[in-house]
Every structure is written in structure tokens, then in C-alpha cells.
């Protein structure tokens, strides 16, 4: 029996089925390659993010070091000069004025200040202005996150808190706007709390040491021992 020649339709159908089969394989290959590319792209993005984070951290460390050095070299001498002037002129303004908590935040109380001190301080207005600008600029770098907070705190924490407190007390008597104080106040209270926390931690350790040395032994009165 002679084999029956396939019709044109059957040939087309066979080729179509074959092409469909291979096209499915092709789609799988393309899909697999696409998924690989997506995975590779994600890895590249994560790698770029990690590099950016490291660069950002490094930059913030460098900014903190630079700002601390700049403050120490340029503005700390001004703070020392102001302190010397206060001692020479017997100015008690910064001791008499004090910061107190109020309903909407904090304010400086000037009830006990000597008005004559303000006249004496007016002679150092230029110095005070430069010191205030330096403290504000330093605070802006830290509060904005440009410079690393921890490095700056461990380097100049106590110095900044002391000088920021002095400047915050005198700023109301200068031409400075309230906006100029925001960064100073923000960093002042943040670091003041950290310094207080550190102090309490040290006191806690000392108290625990003293308690360990002063253990109370229990004594039993004569005649109350159990038989």
C-alpha cells in the first residue's frame, strides 16, 4: 500500500506545531535571560547603594572632622578671649541668666542680670557675633546630618554645650533673628541630654561599686537560733 502524501494543510500544520514547540523553548530561554538580567540589575543597584552609603558615611566622618578642626582653630580662641574678658571685667551675666523650661519649650530668664554687664559686653559685640556665627554654622552641619553626630559629640560635646549656652543667653540682645538660634538650640539640648546621660551612667557604676563593697551581712540575735 503506497503511503498517502500529506496535504498542504497537513504540512503547514506540522510546521506550525514544530515552530510552536521551538517558540516555547525560545520564550523560556528569553524569559530566563530576562530574569537573569533583572537579578543582575538588582545586584548592581544594591552594590551601587552600598557604595553610596559607604561614601556618604565617609563623607559625613570627614565633614565632622573638618568642622571640629575648624571650630577648634577658628572659634575656640574667641571663646577663650570672651572668658578672659568676663573675668577681667567681673561680668556675671552668663551666670545670672539661666535657661528654664516653659509650656512651649524653653526660654532664657534675665530677671537677675546686672544691666551694667550688657554695656560691658557691647564692647565685645564683634567677637560675640563671630563666635555666634561659628557655633551656628557648626550646629547646622550636625543637625542637618551632613557631619557625623557621634564623632563631633565625642570631640567637642562639652565645649559646644558650654559655648552654645552662653551664646543663646546673649543672642536676644543682638540683632540676630530667632531663626538663627534654631540649630544652636536643637544641638544644644540634644547634646546636653547625652552629657547628662553619660554622667548618670558614671554615677551608676560608682554606686554599684560602693554597694558591692558595703554588703550588709545578716546577724542572728542570741537566743533566736533555730535548734
Protein backbone atom coordinates (compact mmCIF):
# COMPACT_ATOMS: atom_id res chain seq x y z
CA UNK A 1 0.00 0.00 0.00
CA UNK A 2 1.51 3.31 -1.06
CA UNK A 3 1.84 5.94 1.65
CA UNK A 4 -0.54 8.83 1.29
CA UNK A 5 1.17 12.10 0.53
CA UNK A 6 0.36 14.73 3.17
CA UNK A 7 -1.74 17.54 2.00
CA UNK A 8 -0.55 21.15 2.01
CA UNK A 9 -2.68 21.88 5.07
CA UNK A 10 -1.16 18.99 6.99
CA UNK A 11 2.36 20.16 6.09
CA UNK A 12 1.61 23.67 7.26
CA UNK A 13 0.05 22.26 10.44
CA UNK A 14 3.11 20.12 11.16
CA UNK A 15 5.49 23.01 10.62
CA UNK A 16 3.30 25.25 12.75
CA UNK A 17 3.32 22.73 15.58
CA UNK A 18 7.08 22.40 15.28
CA UNK A 19 7.56 26.14 15.28
CA UNK A 20 5.22 26.48 18.25
CA UNK A 21 7.25 23.89 20.15
CA UNK A 22 10.53 25.65 19.43
CA UNK A 23 8.99 29.03 20.08
CA UNK A 24 8.03 27.85 23.57
CA UNK A 25 11.62 26.85 24.18
CA UNK A 26 12.74 30.22 22.82
CA UNK A 27 10.35 32.04 25.14
CA UNK A 28 11.74 30.09 28.10
CA UNK A 29 15.27 30.96 27.08
CA UNK A 30 14.40 34.63 26.62
CA UNK A 31 12.46 34.67 29.90
CA UNK A 32 15.34 33.02 31.71
CA UNK A 33 17.80 35.50 30.25
CA UNK A 34 15.45 38.35 31.16
CA UNK A 35 15.18 37.14 34.77
CA UNK A 36 18.95 36.85 34.93
CA UNK A 37 19.29 40.41 33.65
CA UNK A 38 16.77 41.61 36.24
CA UNK A 39 18.67 39.79 39.00
CA UNK A 40 21.94 41.23 37.72
CA UNK A 41 20.41 44.73 37.60
CA UNK A 42 19.15 44.37 41.19
CA UNK A 43 22.59 43.27 42.34
CA UNK A 44 24.15 46.22 40.56
CA UNK A 45 21.64 48.60 42.16
CA UNK A 46 22.30 47.14 45.64
CA UNK A 47 26.03 47.36 45.01
CA UNK A 48 25.67 50.98 43.94
CA UNK A 49 23.57 51.70 47.05
CA UNK A 50 26.20 50.12 49.30
CA UNK A 51 28.95 52.13 47.64
CA UNK A 52 26.87 55.29 48.01
CA UNK A 53 26.20 54.53 51.69
CA UNK A 54 29.89 53.96 52.35
CA UNK A 55 30.79 57.13 50.51
CA UNK A 56 28.12 59.06 52.42
CA UNK A 57 29.34 57.70 55.76
CA UNK A 58 32.94 58.51 54.84
CA UNK A 59 31.91 62.00 53.74
CA UNK A 60 30.00 62.59 56.99
CA UNK A 61 33.04 61.46 59.01
CA UNK A 62 35.29 63.79 57.03
CA UNK A 63 32.81 66.67 57.44
CA UNK A 64 32.69 66.09 61.21
CA UNK A 65 36.49 66.07 61.49
CA UNK A 66 36.79 69.19 59.33
CA UNK A 67 34.12 71.06 61.30
CA UNK A 68 35.66 70.11 64.64
CA UNK A 69 39.08 71.24 63.45
CA UNK A 70 37.64 74.47 62.04
CA UNK A 71 35.79 75.23 65.28
CA UNK A 72 38.83 74.42 67.42
CA UNK A 73 41.19 76.52 65.33
CA UNK A 74 38.97 79.48 64.48
CA UNK A 75 36.25 79.84 67.11
CA UNK A 76 37.55 78.24 70.31
CA UNK A 77 40.18 81.01 70.67
CA UNK A 78 37.32 83.52 70.51
CA UNK A 79 35.55 81.65 73.32
CA UNK A 80 38.73 81.80 75.41
CA UNK A 81 39.08 85.53 74.69
CA UNK A 82 35.48 86.10 75.79
CA UNK A 83 36.06 84.14 79.01
CA UNK A 84 39.14 86.20 79.80
CA UNK A 85 37.20 89.41 79.21
CA UNK A 86 34.40 88.26 81.54
CA UNK A 87 36.93 87.57 84.28
CA UNK A 88 38.74 90.89 83.80
CA UNK A 89 35.53 92.93 83.87
CA UNK A 90 33.84 90.88 86.61
CA UNK A 91 30.87 90.19 84.33
CA UNK A 92 28.41 87.72 85.84
CA UNK A 93 25.78 87.99 83.09
CA UNK A 94 26.14 84.39 81.91
CA UNK A 95 25.87 83.09 85.47
CA UNK A 96 22.91 85.29 86.37
CA UNK A 97 20.88 84.49 83.23
CA UNK A 98 19.58 80.94 83.18
CA UNK A 99 17.66 78.67 80.84
CA UNK A 100 14.32 77.41 82.10
CA UNK A 101 11.63 75.15 80.72
CA UNK A 102 8.26 76.72 79.86
CA UNK A 103 4.98 75.45 78.43
CA UNK A 104 6.03 75.89 74.79
CA UNK A 105 9.66 74.87 75.17
CA UNK A 106 12.49 76.84 76.77
CA UNK A 107 13.42 80.43 77.39
CA UNK A 108 16.21 82.43 78.99
CA UNK A 109 15.36 84.14 82.28
CA UNK A 110 17.05 87.55 82.67
CA UNK A 111 15.44 88.61 85.98
CA UNK A 112 18.71 88.54 87.94
CA UNK A 113 21.13 90.01 85.43
CA UNK A 114 23.13 93.17 86.03
CA UNK A 115 22.25 95.67 83.29
CA UNK A 116 25.73 97.15 83.52
CA UNK A 117 27.11 93.84 82.24
CA UNK A 118 25.26 94.35 78.97
CA UNK A 119 27.07 97.64 78.44
CA UNK A 120 30.40 95.93 79.03
CA UNK A 121 29.51 93.08 76.68
CA UNK A 122 28.57 95.59 73.99
CA UNK A 123 32.29 96.37 73.65
CA UNK A 124 32.79 92.76 72.51
CA UNK A 125 29.86 92.67 70.08
CA UNK A 126 32.08 91.85 67.11
CA UNK A 127 33.72 88.96 68.94
CA UNK A 128 30.35 87.68 70.15
CA UNK A 129 28.95 87.91 66.61
CA UNK A 130 31.82 85.89 65.15
CA UNK A 131 31.51 83.28 67.89
CA UNK A 132 27.74 83.03 67.40
CA UNK A 133 28.17 82.54 63.63
CA UNK A 134 30.75 79.84 64.24
CA UNK A 135 28.53 78.00 66.71
CA UNK A 136 25.52 78.27 64.41
CA UNK A 137 27.47 77.00 61.39
CA UNK A 138 28.86 74.08 63.40
CA UNK A 139 25.38 73.20 64.69
CA UNK A 140 23.87 73.32 61.19
CA UNK A 141 26.38 70.78 59.91
CA UNK A 142 25.49 68.35 62.70
CA UNK A 143 21.72 68.89 62.87
CA UNK A 144 21.35 68.58 59.08
CA UNK A 145 23.20 65.25 59.12
CA UNK A 146 25.99 66.43 56.83
CA UNK A 147 28.58 65.77 59.55
CA UNK A 148 28.60 62.68 61.76
CA UNK A 149 26.96 63.37 65.12
CA UNK A 150 28.93 60.84 67.20
CA UNK A 151 32.37 61.94 66.09
CA UNK A 152 31.52 65.60 66.63
CA UNK A 153 29.95 64.89 70.04
CA UNK A 154 32.90 62.92 71.36
CA UNK A 155 35.28 65.60 70.06
CA UNK A 156 33.54 68.84 71.08
CA UNK A 157 30.40 67.84 73.00
CA UNK A 158 31.18 69.61 76.28
CA UNK A 159 32.78 72.61 74.62
CA UNK A 160 29.84 73.15 72.29
CA UNK A 161 27.23 72.83 75.04
CA UNK A 162 29.04 75.38 77.21
CA UNK A 163 29.56 77.89 74.41
CA UNK A 164 26.09 77.37 72.91
CA UNK A 165 24.55 78.07 76.31
CA UNK A 166 26.49 81.32 76.63
CA UNK A 167 25.67 82.46 73.11
CA UNK A 168 21.99 81.55 73.47
CA UNK A 169 21.78 83.81 76.50
CA UNK A 170 23.27 86.85 74.79
CA UNK A 171 21.65 86.47 71.33
CA UNK A 172 18.36 88.14 72.39
CA UNK A 173 20.34 91.35 72.96
CA UNK A 174 21.91 91.28 69.49
CA UNK A 175 20.47 91.79 66.02
CA UNK A 176 20.11 88.05 65.48
CA UNK A 177 16.79 86.64 64.34
CA UNK A 178 15.01 83.80 66.13
CA UNK A 179 15.73 81.57 63.13
CA UNK A 180 19.44 81.94 63.81
CA UNK A 181 19.02 80.13 67.14
CA UNK A 182 17.11 77.05 65.94
CA UNK A 183 20.11 74.92 65.00
CA UNK A 184 22.01 76.02 68.10
CA UNK A 185 19.11 75.19 70.43
CA UNK A 186 18.44 71.85 68.69
CA UNK A 187 22.00 70.61 69.05
CA UNK A 188 22.42 72.17 72.50
CA UNK A 189 19.53 70.24 74.04
CA UNK A 190 20.40 67.02 72.17
CA UNK A 191 23.98 67.00 73.39
CA UNK A 192 23.14 68.33 76.86
CA UNK A 193 20.89 65.30 77.40
CA UNK A 194 23.63 62.98 76.17
CA UNK A 195 26.14 64.54 78.55
CA UNK A 196 23.68 64.20 81.44
CA UNK A 197 23.07 60.57 80.49
CA UNK A 198 26.81 59.89 80.44
CA UNK A 199 27.17 61.50 83.86
CA UNK A 200 24.35 59.38 85.29
CA UNK A 201 25.88 56.23 83.82
CA UNK A 202 29.20 57.01 85.50
CA UNK A 203 27.44 57.70 88.80
CA UNK A 204 25.51 54.44 88.46
CA UNK A 205 28.73 52.45 88.03
CA UNK A 206 30.29 54.17 91.04
CA UNK A 207 27.21 53.50 93.20
CA UNK A 208 27.20 49.83 92.16
CA UNK A 209 30.88 49.54 93.13
CA UNK A 210 30.19 51.12 96.52
CA UNK A 211 27.21 48.84 97.09
CA UNK A 212 29.32 45.80 96.26
CA UNK A 213 31.89 46.85 98.87
CA UNK A 214 29.27 47.61 101.51
CA UNK A 215 27.31 44.38 101.52
CA UNK A 216 25.16 44.07 104.63
CA UNK A 217 25.67 40.80 106.47
CA UNK A 218 22.76 39.29 108.34
CA UNK A 219 23.31 38.70 112.04
CA UNK A 220 21.16 36.48 114.20
CA UNK A 221 20.41 37.68 117.72
CA UNK A 222 21.49 35.40 120.57
CA UNK A 223 18.73 33.03 121.56
CA UNK A 224 16.89 33.22 118.26
CA UNK A 225 18.88 30.46 116.52
CA UNK A 226 16.77 27.57 115.39
CA UNK A 227 17.51 24.32 117.19
